[in-house]
Full PDB file with SEQRES, HELIX, SHEET, SSBOND, CRYST1, ORIGX, SCALE, CONECT and MASTER records, all heavy atoms in Angstrom:
SEQRES   1 A   41  ARG TYR PHE SER GLU ALA ASP MET ALA LYS VAL ASN ASN          
SEQRES   2 A   41  LYS GLY MET SER ILE TRP LYS SER THR TYR VAL ALA ASN          
SEQRES   3 A   41  THR PRO ILE PRO ILE ARG GLU ALA GLN ARG THR PHE PRO          
SEQRES   4 A   41  ASP ASP                                                      
HELIX    1 AA1 GLU A    5  ALA A    9  1                                   5    
HELIX    2 AA2 ILE A   31  ARG A   36  1                                   6    
CRYST1    1.000    1.000    1.000  90.00  90.00  90.00 P 1           1          
ORIGX1      1.000000  0.000000  0.000000        0.00000                         
ORIGX2      0.000000  1.000000  0.000000        0.00000                         
ORIGX3      0.000000  0.000000  1.000000        0.00000                         
SCALE1      1.000000  0.000000  0.000000        0.00000                         
SCALE2      0.000000  1.000000  0.000000        0.00000                         
SCALE3      0.000000  0.000000  1.000000        0.00000                         
ATOM      1  N   ARG A   1      -5.480  38.652  19.911  1.00  0.00           N  
ATOM      2  CA  ARG A   1      -5.859  39.185  21.217  1.00  0.00           C  
ATOM      3  C   ARG A   1      -6.133  38.010  22.179  1.00  0.00           C  
ATOM      4  O   ARG A   1      -6.247  36.918  21.889  1.00  0.00           O  
ATOM      5  CB  ARG A   1      -7.304  39.958  21.112  1.00  0.00           C  
ATOM      6  CG  ARG A   1      -7.204  41.275  20.389  1.00  0.00           C  
ATOM      7  CD  ARG A   1      -8.553  41.797  20.223  1.00  0.00           C  
ATOM      8  NE  ARG A   1      -9.326  41.784  21.433  1.00  0.00           N  
ATOM      9  CZ  ARG A   1     -10.630  42.022  21.419  1.00  0.00           C  
ATOM     10  NH1 ARG A   1     -11.355  42.320  20.366  1.00  0.00           N  
ATOM     11  NH2 ARG A   1     -11.396  41.974  22.647  1.00  0.00           N  
ATOM     12  N   TYR A   2      -6.020  38.427  23.487  1.00  0.00           N  
ATOM     13  CA  TYR A   2      -6.327  37.480  24.592  1.00  0.00           C  
ATOM     14  C   TYR A   2      -7.864  37.390  24.778  1.00  0.00           C  
ATOM     15  O   TYR A   2      -8.620  38.327  24.787  1.00  0.00           O  
ATOM     16  CB  TYR A   2      -5.707  37.972  25.843  1.00  0.00           C  
ATOM     17  CG  TYR A   2      -6.087  37.148  27.069  1.00  0.00           C  
ATOM     18  CD1 TYR A   2      -5.557  35.997  27.380  1.00  0.00           C  
ATOM     19  CD2 TYR A   2      -7.143  37.673  27.840  1.00  0.00           C  
ATOM     20  CE1 TYR A   2      -5.927  35.196  28.487  1.00  0.00           C  
ATOM     21  CE2 TYR A   2      -7.606  36.923  28.973  1.00  0.00           C  
ATOM     22  CZ  TYR A   2      -7.075  35.734  29.216  1.00  0.00           C  
ATOM     23  OH  TYR A   2      -7.417  34.954  30.380  1.00  0.00           O  
ATOM     24  N   PHE A   3      -8.291  36.185  24.918  1.00  0.00           N  
ATOM     25  CA  PHE A   3      -9.683  35.882  25.390  1.00  0.00           C  
ATOM     26  C   PHE A   3      -9.612  34.810  26.510  1.00  0.00           C  
ATOM     27  O   PHE A   3      -8.911  33.837  26.452  1.00  0.00           O  
ATOM     28  CB  PHE A   3     -10.551  35.310  24.242  1.00  0.00           C  
ATOM     29  CG  PHE A   3     -10.872  36.311  23.161  1.00  0.00           C  
ATOM     30  CD1 PHE A   3     -10.114  36.529  22.046  1.00  0.00           C  
ATOM     31  CD2 PHE A   3     -12.035  37.074  23.329  1.00  0.00           C  
ATOM     32  CE1 PHE A   3     -10.415  37.409  21.109  1.00  0.00           C  
ATOM     33  CE2 PHE A   3     -12.364  38.083  22.362  1.00  0.00           C  
ATOM     34  CZ  PHE A   3     -11.603  38.195  21.222  1.00  0.00           C  
ATOM     35  N   SER A   4     -10.397  35.121  27.570  1.00  0.00           N  
ATOM     36  CA  SER A   4     -10.385  34.237  28.729  1.00  0.00           C  
ATOM     37  C   SER A   4     -11.227  32.965  28.488  1.00  0.00           C  
ATOM     38  O   SER A   4     -11.986  32.884  27.440  1.00  0.00           O  
ATOM     39  CB  SER A   4     -11.029  34.879  29.926  1.00  0.00           C  
ATOM     40  OG  SER A   4     -12.347  35.167  29.768  1.00  0.00           O  
ATOM     41  N   GLU A   5     -11.015  31.993  29.271  1.00  0.00           N  
ATOM     42  CA  GLU A   5     -11.794  30.710  29.207  1.00  0.00           C  
ATOM     43  C   GLU A   5     -13.282  30.970  29.249  1.00  0.00           C  
ATOM     44  O   GLU A   5     -14.099  30.378  28.550  1.00  0.00           O  
ATOM     45  CB  GLU A   5     -11.333  29.671  30.159  1.00  0.00           C  
ATOM     46  CG  GLU A   5      -9.867  29.190  29.947  1.00  0.00           C  
ATOM     47  CD  GLU A   5      -9.572  28.060  30.941  1.00  0.00           C  
ATOM     48  OE1 GLU A   5     -10.504  27.624  31.774  1.00  0.00           O  
ATOM     49  OE2 GLU A   5      -8.390  27.655  30.911  1.00  0.00           O  
ATOM     50  N   ALA A   6     -13.624  31.849  30.185  1.00  0.00           N  
ATOM     51  CA  ALA A   6     -15.091  32.229  30.389  1.00  0.00           C  
ATOM     52  C   ALA A   6     -15.648  32.798  29.071  1.00  0.00           C  
ATOM     53  O   ALA A   6     -16.806  32.527  28.688  1.00  0.00           O  
ATOM     54  CB  ALA A   6     -15.196  33.166  31.496  1.00  0.00           C  
ATOM     55  N   ASP A   7     -14.883  33.702  28.509  1.00  0.00           N  
ATOM     56  CA  ASP A   7     -15.329  34.309  27.241  1.00  0.00           C  
ATOM     57  C   ASP A   7     -15.456  33.289  26.098  1.00  0.00           C  
ATOM     58  O   ASP A   7     -16.424  33.228  25.369  1.00  0.00           O  
ATOM     59  CB  ASP A   7     -14.311  35.334  26.742  1.00  0.00           C  
ATOM     60  CG  ASP A   7     -14.383  36.624  27.654  1.00  0.00           C  
ATOM     61  OD1 ASP A   7     -15.395  36.973  28.116  1.00  0.00           O  
ATOM     62  OD2 ASP A   7     -13.198  37.228  27.913  1.00  0.00           O  
ATOM     63  N   MET A   8     -14.513  32.355  26.071  1.00  0.00           N  
ATOM     64  CA  MET A   8     -14.527  31.376  25.002  1.00  0.00           C  
ATOM     65  C   MET A   8     -15.616  30.329  25.207  1.00  0.00           C  
ATOM     66  O   MET A   8     -15.967  29.662  24.225  1.00  0.00           O  
ATOM     67  CB  MET A   8     -13.121  30.688  24.890  1.00  0.00           C  
ATOM     68  CG  MET A   8     -12.113  31.695  24.349  1.00  0.00           C  
ATOM     69  SD  MET A   8     -12.529  32.551  22.813  1.00  0.00           S  
ATOM     70  CE  MET A   8     -12.668  31.159  21.701  1.00  0.00           C  
ATOM     71  N   ALA A   9     -16.049  30.174  26.412  1.00  0.00           N  
ATOM     72  CA  ALA A   9     -17.154  29.166  26.734  1.00  0.00           C  
ATOM     73  C   ALA A   9     -18.374  29.625  26.007  1.00  0.00           C  
ATOM     74  O   ALA A   9     -19.281  28.778  25.769  1.00  0.00           O  
ATOM     75  CB  ALA A   9     -17.317  29.025  28.194  1.00  0.00           C  
ATOM     76  N   LYS A  10     -18.520  30.896  25.749  1.00  0.00           N  
ATOM     77  CA  LYS A  10     -19.685  31.377  25.107  1.00  0.00           C  
ATOM     78  C   LYS A  10     -19.661  31.433  23.511  1.00  0.00           C  
ATOM     79  O   LYS A  10     -20.596  31.783  22.824  1.00  0.00           O  
ATOM     80  CB  LYS A  10     -19.987  32.852  25.484  1.00  0.00           C  
ATOM     81  CG  LYS A  10     -20.066  32.972  27.056  1.00  0.00           C  
ATOM     82  CD  LYS A  10     -20.106  34.446  27.344  1.00  0.00           C  
ATOM     83  CE  LYS A  10     -19.956  34.649  28.882  1.00  0.00           C  
ATOM     84  NZ  LYS A  10     -19.847  36.046  29.206  1.00  0.00           N  
ATOM     85  N   VAL A  11     -18.458  30.941  23.001  1.00  0.00           N  
ATOM     86  CA  VAL A  11     -18.211  31.053  21.550  1.00  0.00           C  
ATOM     87  C   VAL A  11     -18.208  29.609  21.029  1.00  0.00           C  
ATOM     88  O   VAL A  11     -17.695  28.655  21.526  1.00  0.00           O  
ATOM     89  CB  VAL A  11     -16.832  31.575  21.311  1.00  0.00           C  
ATOM     90  CG1 VAL A  11     -16.482  31.541  19.895  1.00  0.00           C  
ATOM     91  CG2 VAL A  11     -16.745  33.096  21.850  1.00  0.00           C  
ATOM     92  N   ASN A  12     -18.955  29.479  19.902  1.00  0.00           N  
ATOM     93  CA  ASN A  12     -19.016  28.324  19.135  1.00  0.00           C  
ATOM     94  C   ASN A  12     -18.061  28.367  17.978  1.00  0.00           C  
ATOM     95  O   ASN A  12     -18.395  28.832  16.877  1.00  0.00           O  
ATOM     96  CB  ASN A  12     -20.498  28.010  18.708  1.00  0.00           C  
ATOM     97  CG  ASN A  12     -20.503  26.717  17.937  1.00  0.00           C  
ATOM     98  OD1 ASN A  12     -19.699  25.837  18.083  1.00  0.00           O  
ATOM     99  ND2 ASN A  12     -21.632  26.527  17.159  1.00  0.00           N  
ATOM    100  N   ASN A  13     -16.831  27.848  18.217  1.00  0.00           N  
ATOM    101  CA  ASN A  13     -15.844  27.795  17.125  1.00  0.00           C  
ATOM    102  C   ASN A  13     -15.319  26.421  16.855  1.00  0.00           C  
ATOM    103  O   ASN A  13     -14.303  26.205  16.205  1.00  0.00           O  
ATOM    104  CB  ASN A  13     -14.712  28.700  17.437  1.00  0.00           C  
ATOM    105  CG  ASN A  13     -13.892  28.299  18.646  1.00  0.00           C  
ATOM    106  OD1 ASN A  13     -14.295  27.327  19.353  1.00  0.00           O  
ATOM    107  ND2 ASN A  13     -12.849  28.985  18.993  1.00  0.00           N  
ATOM    108  N   LYS A  14     -16.096  25.389  17.320  1.00  0.00           N  
ATOM    109  CA  LYS A  14     -15.718  24.063  17.151  1.00  0.00           C  
ATOM    110  C   LYS A  14     -15.575  23.627  15.657  1.00  0.00           C  
ATOM    111  O   LYS A  14     -16.544  23.817  14.890  1.00  0.00           O  
ATOM    112  CB  LYS A  14     -16.662  23.120  17.884  1.00  0.00           C  
ATOM    113  CG  LYS A  14     -16.226  21.622  17.958  1.00  0.00           C  
ATOM    114  CD  LYS A  14     -17.092  20.764  18.666  1.00  0.00           C  
ATOM    115  CE  LYS A  14     -16.561  19.340  18.828  1.00  0.00           C  
ATOM    116  NZ  LYS A  14     -17.512  18.491  19.612  1.00  0.00           N  
ATOM    117  N   GLY A  15     -14.415  23.160  15.263  1.00  0.00           N  
ATOM    118  CA  GLY A  15     -14.177  22.697  13.905  1.00  0.00           C  
ATOM    119  C   GLY A  15     -14.034  23.806  12.957  1.00  0.00           C  
ATOM    120  O   GLY A  15     -13.938  23.614  11.722  1.00  0.00           O  
ATOM    121  N   MET A  16     -14.069  25.125  13.411  1.00  0.00           N  
ATOM    122  CA  MET A  16     -13.969  26.250  12.528  1.00  0.00           C  
ATOM    123  C   MET A  16     -12.498  26.532  12.152  1.00  0.00           C  
ATOM    124  O   MET A  16     -11.676  26.496  13.115  1.00  0.00           O  
ATOM    125  CB  MET A  16     -14.632  27.446  13.101  1.00  0.00           C  
ATOM    126  CG  MET A  16     -14.962  28.670  12.167  1.00  0.00           C  
ATOM    127  SD  MET A  16     -15.687  30.031  13.051  1.00  0.00           S  
ATOM    128  CE  MET A  16     -17.337  29.251  13.439  1.00  0.00           C  
ATOM    129  N   SER A  17     -12.262  26.914  10.924  1.00  0.00           N  
ATOM    130  CA  SER A  17     -10.962  27.322  10.474  1.00  0.00           C  
ATOM    131  C   SER A  17     -10.972  28.778  10.010  1.00  0.00           C  
ATOM    132  O   SER A  17     -11.860  29.149   9.223  1.00  0.00           O  
ATOM    133  CB  SER A  17     -10.369  26.388   9.394  1.00  0.00           C  
ATOM    134  OG  SER A  17      -9.192  26.957   8.844  1.00  0.00           O  
ATOM    135  N   ILE A  18     -10.064  29.520  10.373  1.00  0.00           N  
ATOM    136  CA  ILE A  18     -10.016  30.939   9.912  1.00  0.00           C  
ATOM    137  C   ILE A  18      -9.581  31.042   8.469  1.00  0.00           C  
ATOM    138  O   ILE A  18      -9.748  32.128   7.868  1.00  0.00           O  
ATOM    139  CB  ILE A  18      -9.116  31.824  10.864  1.00  0.00           C  
ATOM    140  CG1 ILE A  18      -9.416  33.295  10.796  1.00  0.00           C  
ATOM    141  CG2 ILE A  18      -7.618  31.533  10.596  1.00  0.00           C  
ATOM    142  CD1 ILE A  18      -8.813  34.205  11.817  1.00  0.00           C  
ATOM    143  N   TRP A  19      -9.119  29.945   8.020  1.00  0.00           N  
ATOM    144  CA  TRP A  19      -8.626  29.944   6.606  1.00  0.00           C  
ATOM    145  C   TRP A  19      -9.663  29.389   5.595  1.00  0.00           C  
ATOM    146  O   TRP A  19      -9.397  29.383   4.383  1.00  0.00           O  
ATOM    147  CB  TRP A  19      -7.417  28.989   6.485  1.00  0.00           C  
ATOM    148  CG  TRP A  19      -6.290  29.284   7.542  1.00  0.00           C  
ATOM    149  CD1 TRP A  19      -6.138  28.559   8.570  1.00  0.00           C  
ATOM    150  CD2 TRP A  19      -5.443  30.415   7.569  1.00  0.00           C  
ATOM    151  NE1 TRP A  19      -5.075  29.071   9.364  1.00  0.00           N  
ATOM    152  CE2 TRP A  19      -4.683  30.225   8.741  1.00  0.00           C  
ATOM    153  CE3 TRP A  19      -5.225  31.456   6.737  1.00  0.00           C  
ATOM    154  CZ2 TRP A  19      -3.638  31.142   9.112  1.00  0.00           C  
ATOM    155  CZ3 TRP A  19      -4.284  32.440   7.103  1.00  0.00           C  
ATOM    156  CH2 TRP A  19      -3.500  32.221   8.205  1.00  0.00           C  
ATOM    157  N   LYS A  20     -10.878  29.047   6.012  1.00  0.00           N  
ATOM    158  CA  LYS A  20     -11.906  28.490   5.140  1.00  0.00           C  
ATOM    159  C   LYS A  20     -13.069  29.448   5.002  1.00  0.00           C  
ATOM    160  O   LYS A  20     -13.381  30.264   5.856  1.00  0.00           O  
ATOM    161  CB  LYS A  20     -12.306  27.162   5.689  1.00  0.00           C  
ATOM    162  CG  LYS A  20     -11.224  26.103   5.642  1.00  0.00           C  
ATOM    163  CD  LYS A  20     -11.718  24.698   6.093  1.00  0.00           C  
ATOM    164  CE  LYS A  20     -10.647  23.680   5.898  1.00  0.00           C  
ATOM    165  NZ  LYS A  20     -11.113  22.324   6.358  1.00  0.00           N  
ATOM    166  N   SER A  21     -13.813  29.259   3.890  1.00  0.00           N  
ATOM    167  CA  SER A  21     -14.963  30.097   3.650  1.00  0.00           C  
ATOM    168  C   SER A  21     -16.135  29.928   4.649  1.00  0.00           C  
ATOM    169  O   SER A  21     -16.913  30.750   4.864  1.00  0.00           O  
ATOM    170  CB  SER A  21     -15.514  29.758   2.333  1.00  0.00           C  
ATOM    171  OG  SER A  21     -15.847  28.387   2.217  1.00  0.00           O  
ATOM    172  N   THR A  22     -16.043  28.822   5.532  1.00  0.00           N  
ATOM    173  CA  THR A  22     -17.027  28.666   6.492  1.00  0.00           C  
ATOM    174  C   THR A  22     -16.788  29.383   7.782  1.00  0.00           C  
ATOM    175  O   THR A  22     -17.645  29.398   8.688  1.00  0.00           O  
ATOM    176  CB  THR A  22     -17.166  27.147   6.825  1.00  0.00           C  
ATOM    177  OG1 THR A  22     -15.815  26.679   7.144  1.00  0.00           O  
ATOM    178  CG2 THR A  22     -17.661  26.316   5.677  1.00  0.00           C  
ATOM    179  N   TYR A  23     -15.611  30.088   7.780  1.00  0.00           N  
ATOM    180  CA  TYR A  23     -15.271  30.949   9.038  1.00  0.00           C  
ATOM    181  C   TYR A  23     -16.349  32.009   9.229  1.00  0.00           C  
ATOM    182  O   TYR A  23     -16.704  32.720   8.352  1.00  0.00           O  
ATOM    183  CB  TYR A  23     -13.933  31.554   8.893  1.00  0.00           C  
ATOM    184  CG  TYR A  23     -13.549  32.517   9.982  1.00  0.00           C  
ATOM    185  CD1 TYR A  23     -13.279  32.071  11.190  1.00  0.00           C  
ATOM    186  CD2 TYR A  23     -13.573  33.867   9.692  1.00  0.00           C  
ATOM    187  CE1 TYR A  23     -12.926  32.974  12.219  1.00  0.00           C  
ATOM    188  CE2 TYR A  23     -13.248  34.799  10.730  1.00  0.00           C  
ATOM    189  CZ  TYR A  23     -12.978  34.338  11.961  1.00  0.00           C  
ATOM    190  OH  TYR A  23     -12.653  35.276  13.034  1.00  0.00           O  
ATOM    191  N   VAL A  24     -16.902  32.174  10.476  1.00  0.00           N  
ATOM    192  CA  VAL A  24     -17.889  33.158  10.858  1.00  0.00           C  
ATOM    193  C   VAL A  24     -17.107  34.383  11.268  1.00  0.00           C  
ATOM    194  O   VAL A  24     -16.221  34.421  12.132  1.00  0.00           O  
ATOM    195  CB  VAL A  24     -18.714  32.715  11.960  1.00  0.00           C  
ATOM    196  CG1 VAL A  24     -19.772  33.799  12.308  1.00  0.00           C  
ATOM    197  CG2 VAL A  24     -19.548  31.417  11.469  1.00  0.00           C  
ATOM    198  N   ALA A  25     -17.404  35.543  10.677  1.00  0.00           N  
ATOM    199  CA  ALA A  25     -16.734  36.807  11.004  1.00  0.00           C  
ATOM    200  C   ALA A  25     -16.559  37.127  12.450  1.00  0.00           C  
ATOM    201  O   ALA A  25     -17.506  36.879  13.160  1.00  0.00           O  
ATOM    202  CB  ALA A  25     -17.384  37.972  10.288  1.00  0.00           C  
ATOM    203  N   ASN A  26     -15.312  37.521  12.852  1.00  0.00           N  
ATOM    204  CA  ASN A  26     -15.003  37.947  14.190  1.00  0.00           C  
ATOM    205  C   ASN A  26     -15.191  36.833  15.219  1.00  0.00           C  
ATOM    206  O   ASN A  26     -15.347  37.111  16.433  1.00  0.00           O  
ATOM    207  CB  ASN A  26     -15.858  39.155  14.606  1.00  0.00           C  
ATOM    208  CG  ASN A  26     -15.657  40.293  13.656  1.00  0.00           C  
ATOM    209  OD1 ASN A  26     -14.535  40.611  13.320  1.00  0.00           O  
ATOM    210  ND2 ASN A  26     -16.719  40.953  13.238  1.00  0.00           N  
ATOM    211  N   THR A  27     -15.022  35.572  14.834  1.00  0.00           N  
ATOM    212  CA  THR A  27     -15.050  34.480  15.770  1.00  0.00           C  
ATOM    213  C   THR A  27     -13.532  34.213  16.167  1.00  0.00           C  
ATOM    214  O   THR A  27     -12.625  34.013  15.398  1.00  0.00           O  
ATOM    215  CB  THR A  27     -15.527  33.107  15.150  1.00  0.00           C  
ATOM    216  OG1 THR A  27     -16.883  33.413  14.689  1.00  0.00           O  
ATOM    217  CG2 THR A  27     -15.609  32.058  16.105  1.00  0.00           C  
ATOM    218  N   PRO A  28     -13.279  34.238  17.526  1.00  0.00           N  
ATOM    219  CA  PRO A  28     -11.930  34.016  18.034  1.00  0.00           C  
ATOM    220  C   PRO A  28     -11.502  32.620  17.717  1.00  0.00           C  
ATOM    221  O   PRO A  28     -12.222  31.602  18.044  1.00  0.00           O  
ATOM    222  CB  PRO A  28     -11.991  34.285  19.498  1.00  0.00           C  
ATOM    223  CG  PRO A  28     -13.202  35.054  19.679  1.00  0.00           C  
ATOM    224  CD  PRO A  28     -14.197  34.566  18.597  1.00  0.00           C  
ATOM    225  N   ILE A  29     -10.345  32.372  17.151  1.00  0.00           N  
ATOM    226  CA  ILE A  29      -9.805  31.054  16.895  1.00  0.00           C  
ATOM    227  C   ILE A  29      -8.388  31.027  17.674  1.00  0.00           C  
ATOM    228  O   ILE A  29      -7.572  31.971  17.515  1.00  0.00           O  
ATOM    229  CB  ILE A  29      -9.552  30.859  15.359  1.00  0.00           C  
ATOM    230  CG1 ILE A  29     -10.804  31.001  14.595  1.00  0.00           C  
ATOM    231  CG2 ILE A  29      -8.850  29.481  15.109  1.00  0.00           C  
ATOM    232  CD1 ILE A  29     -11.827  29.932  14.890  1.00  0.00           C  
ATOM    233  N   PRO A  30      -8.134  30.022  18.457  1.00  0.00           N  
ATOM    234  CA  PRO A  30      -6.863  29.972  19.136  1.00  0.00           C  
ATOM    235  C   PRO A  30      -5.743  30.064  18.150  1.00  0.00           C  
ATOM    236  O   PRO A  30      -5.749  29.435  17.025  1.00  0.00           O  
ATOM    237  CB  PRO A  30      -6.878  28.580  19.815  1.00  0.00           C  
ATOM    238  CG  PRO A  30      -8.357  28.184  19.933  1.00  0.00           C  
ATOM    239  CD  PRO A  30      -9.051  28.843  18.795  1.00  0.00           C  
ATOM    240  N   ILE A  31      -4.702  30.832  18.448  1.00  0.00           N  
ATOM    241  CA  ILE A  31      -3.667  31.073  17.511  1.00  0.00           C  
ATOM    242  C   ILE A  31      -2.869  29.800  17.202  1.00  0.00           C  
ATOM    243  O   ILE A  31      -2.379  29.639  16.066  1.00  0.00           O  
ATOM    244  CB  ILE A  31      -2.654  32.127  18.077  1.00  0.00           C  
ATOM    245  CG1 ILE A  31      -1.722  32.602  16.933  1.00  0.00           C  
ATOM    246  CG2 ILE A  31      -1.908  31.715  19.262  1.00  0.00           C  
ATOM    247  CD1 ILE A  31      -0.927  33.875  17.251  1.00  0.00           C  
ATOM    248  N   ARG A  32      -2.796  28.888  18.107  1.00  0.00           N  
ATOM    249  CA  ARG A  32      -2.154  27.574  17.851  1.00  0.00           C  
ATOM    250  C   ARG A  32      -3.012  26.806  16.860  1.00  0.00           C  
ATOM    251  O   ARG A  32      -2.434  26.005  16.045  1.00  0.00           O  
ATOM    252  CB  ARG A  32      -1.969  26.833  19.127  1.00  0.00           C  
ATOM    253  CG  ARG A  32      -1.004  27.362  20.144  1.00  0.00           C  
ATOM    254  CD  ARG A  32       0.470  27.393  19.542  1.00  0.00           C  
ATOM    255  NE  ARG A  32       0.959  26.067  19.300  1.00  0.00           N  
ATOM    256  CZ  ARG A  32       1.678  25.379  20.129  1.00  0.00           C  
ATOM    257  NH1 ARG A  32       1.989  25.922  21.326  1.00  0.00           N  
ATOM    258  NH2 ARG A  32       2.125  24.162  19.863  1.00  0.00           N  
ATOM    259  N   GLU A  33      -4.314  26.902  16.807  1.00  0.00           N  
ATOM    260  CA  GLU A  33      -5.143  26.232  15.915  1.00  0.00           C  
ATOM    261  C   GLU A  33      -4.979  26.774  14.496  1.00  0.00           C  
ATOM    262  O   GLU A  33      -4.925  26.188  13.546  1.00  0.00           O  
ATOM    263  CB  GLU A  33      -6.603  26.350  16.340  1.00  0.00           C  
ATOM    264  CG  GLU A  33      -7.619  25.624  15.392  1.00  0.00           C  
ATOM    265  CD  GLU A  33      -7.417  24.072  15.327  1.00  0.00           C  
ATOM    266  OE1 GLU A  33      -6.632  23.494  16.227  1.00  0.00           O  
ATOM    267  OE2 GLU A  33      -7.969  23.439  14.474  1.00  0.00           O  
ATOM    268  N   ALA A  34      -4.873  28.110  14.480  1.00  0.00           N  
ATOM    269  CA  ALA A  34      -4.602  28.857  13.273  1.00  0.00           C  
ATOM    270  C   ALA A  34      -3.305  28.387  12.609  1.00  0.00           C  
ATOM    271  O   ALA A  34      -3.172  28.250  11.417  1.00  0.00           O  
ATOM    272  CB  ALA A  34      -4.568  30.323  13.353  1.00  0.00           C  
ATOM    273  N   GLN A  35      -2.291  28.164  13.548  1.00  0.00           N  
ATOM    274  CA  GLN A  35      -1.019  27.626  13.088  1.00  0.00           C  
ATOM    275  C   GLN A  35      -1.116  26.218  12.519  1.00  0.00           C  
ATOM    276  O   GLN A  35      -0.628  25.859  11.502  1.00  0.00           O  
ATOM    277  CB  GLN A  35       0.022  27.681  14.208  1.00  0.00           C  
ATOM    278  CG  GLN A  35       1.445  27.181  13.875  1.00  0.00           C  
ATOM    279  CD  GLN A  35       2.337  27.023  15.039  1.00  0.00           C  
ATOM    280  OE1 GLN A  35       1.842  26.775  16.110  1.00  0.00           O  
ATOM    281  NE2 GLN A  35       3.579  27.311  14.843  1.00  0.00           N  
ATOM    282  N   ARG A  36      -1.833  25.396  13.271  1.00  0.00           N  
ATOM    283  CA  ARG A  36      -1.954  23.999  12.879  1.00  0.00           C  
ATOM    284  C   ARG A  36      -2.661  23.810  11.519  1.00  0.00           C  
ATOM    285  O   ARG A  36      -2.323  22.933  10.743  1.00  0.00           O  
ATOM    286  CB  ARG A  36      -2.740  23.226  13.980  1.00  0.00           C  
ATOM    287  CG  ARG A  36      -2.795  21.778  13.805  1.00  0.00           C  
ATOM    288  CD  ARG A  36      -3.690  21.012  14.818  1.00  0.00           C  
ATOM    289  NE  ARG A  36      -5.105  21.351  14.633  1.00  0.00           N  
ATOM    290  CZ  ARG A  36      -5.932  20.789  13.708  1.00  0.00           C  
ATOM    291  NH1 ARG A  36      -5.440  19.888  12.907  1.00  0.00           N  
ATOM    292  NH2 ARG A  36      -7.159  21.113  13.594  1.00  0.00           N  
ATOM    293  N   THR A  37      -3.668  24.594  11.254  1.00  0.00           N  
ATOM    294  CA  THR A  37      -4.439  24.441  10.059  1.00  0.00           C  
ATOM    295  C   THR A  37      -3.981  25.452   8.922  1.00  0.00           C  
ATOM    296  O   THR A  37      -4.673  25.521   7.934  1.00  0.00           O  
ATOM    297  CB  THR A  37      -5.975  24.852  10.325  1.00  0.00           C  
ATOM    298  OG1 THR A  37      -6.053  26.225  10.943  1.00  0.00           O  
ATOM    299  CG2 THR A  37      -6.524  23.877  11.346  1.00  0.00           C  
ATOM    300  N   PHE A  38      -2.800  26.008   9.099  1.00  0.00           N  
ATOM    301  CA  PHE A  38      -2.307  27.022   8.070  1.00  0.00           C  
ATOM    302  C   PHE A  38      -2.144  26.225   6.737  1.00  0.00           C  
ATOM    303  O   PHE A  38      -1.569  25.152   6.577  1.00  0.00           O  
ATOM    304  CB  PHE A  38      -0.928  27.474   8.498  1.00  0.00           C  
ATOM    305  CG  PHE A  38      -0.341  28.549   7.556  1.00  0.00           C  
ATOM    306  CD1 PHE A  38      -0.932  29.803   7.560  1.00  0.00           C  
ATOM    307  CD2 PHE A  38       0.732  28.196   6.725  1.00  0.00           C  
ATOM    308  CE1 PHE A  38      -0.374  30.851   6.682  1.00  0.00           C  
ATOM    309  CE2 PHE A  38       1.184  29.197   5.899  1.00  0.00           C  
ATOM    310  CZ  PHE A  38       0.699  30.488   5.898  1.00  0.00           C  
ATOM    311  N   PRO A  39      -2.807  26.788   5.673  1.00  0.00           N  
ATOM    312  CA  PRO A  39      -3.001  26.013   4.417  1.00  0.00           C  
ATOM    313  C   PRO A  39      -1.819  26.049   3.486  1.00  0.00           C  
ATOM    314  O   PRO A  39      -1.940  25.349   2.346  1.00  0.00           O  
ATOM    315  CB  PRO A  39      -4.299  26.606   3.834  1.00  0.00           C  
ATOM    316  CG  PRO A  39      -4.274  28.075   4.199  1.00  0.00           C  
ATOM    317  CD  PRO A  39      -3.578  27.987   5.592  1.00  0.00           C  
ATOM    318  N   ASP A  40      -0.850  26.882   3.538  1.00  0.00           N  
ATOM    319  CA  ASP A  40       0.171  27.072   2.543  1.00  0.00           C  
ATOM    320  C   ASP A  40       1.231  26.075   2.709  1.00  0.00           C  
ATOM    321  O   ASP A  40       2.081  26.158   3.732  1.00  0.00           O  
ATOM    322  CB  ASP A  40       0.647  28.535   2.515  1.00  0.00           C  
ATOM    323  CG  ASP A  40       1.387  28.856   1.234  1.00  0.00           C  
ATOM    324  OD1 ASP A  40       2.004  27.907   0.609  1.00  0.00           O  
ATOM    325  OD2 ASP A  40       1.464  30.019   0.981  1.00  0.00           O  
ATOM    326  N   ASP A  41       1.599  25.249   1.674  1.00  0.00           N  
ATOM    327  CA  ASP A  41       2.757  24.343   1.795  1.00  0.00           C  
ATOM    328  C   ASP A  41       4.025  24.945   1.518  1.00  0.00           C  
ATOM    329  O   ASP A  41       5.080  24.416   1.860  1.00  0.00           O  
ATOM    330  CB  ASP A  41       2.475  23.094   0.778  1.00  0.00           C  
ATOM    331  CG  ASP A  41       1.279  22.331   1.224  1.00  0.00           C  
ATOM    332  OD1 ASP A  41       0.942  22.160   2.354  1.00  0.00           O  
ATOM    333  OD2 ASP A  41       0.640  21.632   0.276  1.00  0.00           O  
TER     334      ASP A  41                                                      
MASTER        0    0    0    2    0    0    0    6  333    1    0    4          
END                                                                             
């Protein structure tokens, strides 16, 4: 989904990976970041 910069300013996702157990449910992660941290070789 799309999220605006204003919306994302309220979100604390710094250093968070959607692929790790530390991911907080329903936290928006930039799709490019999800691509960069994709874990499967």
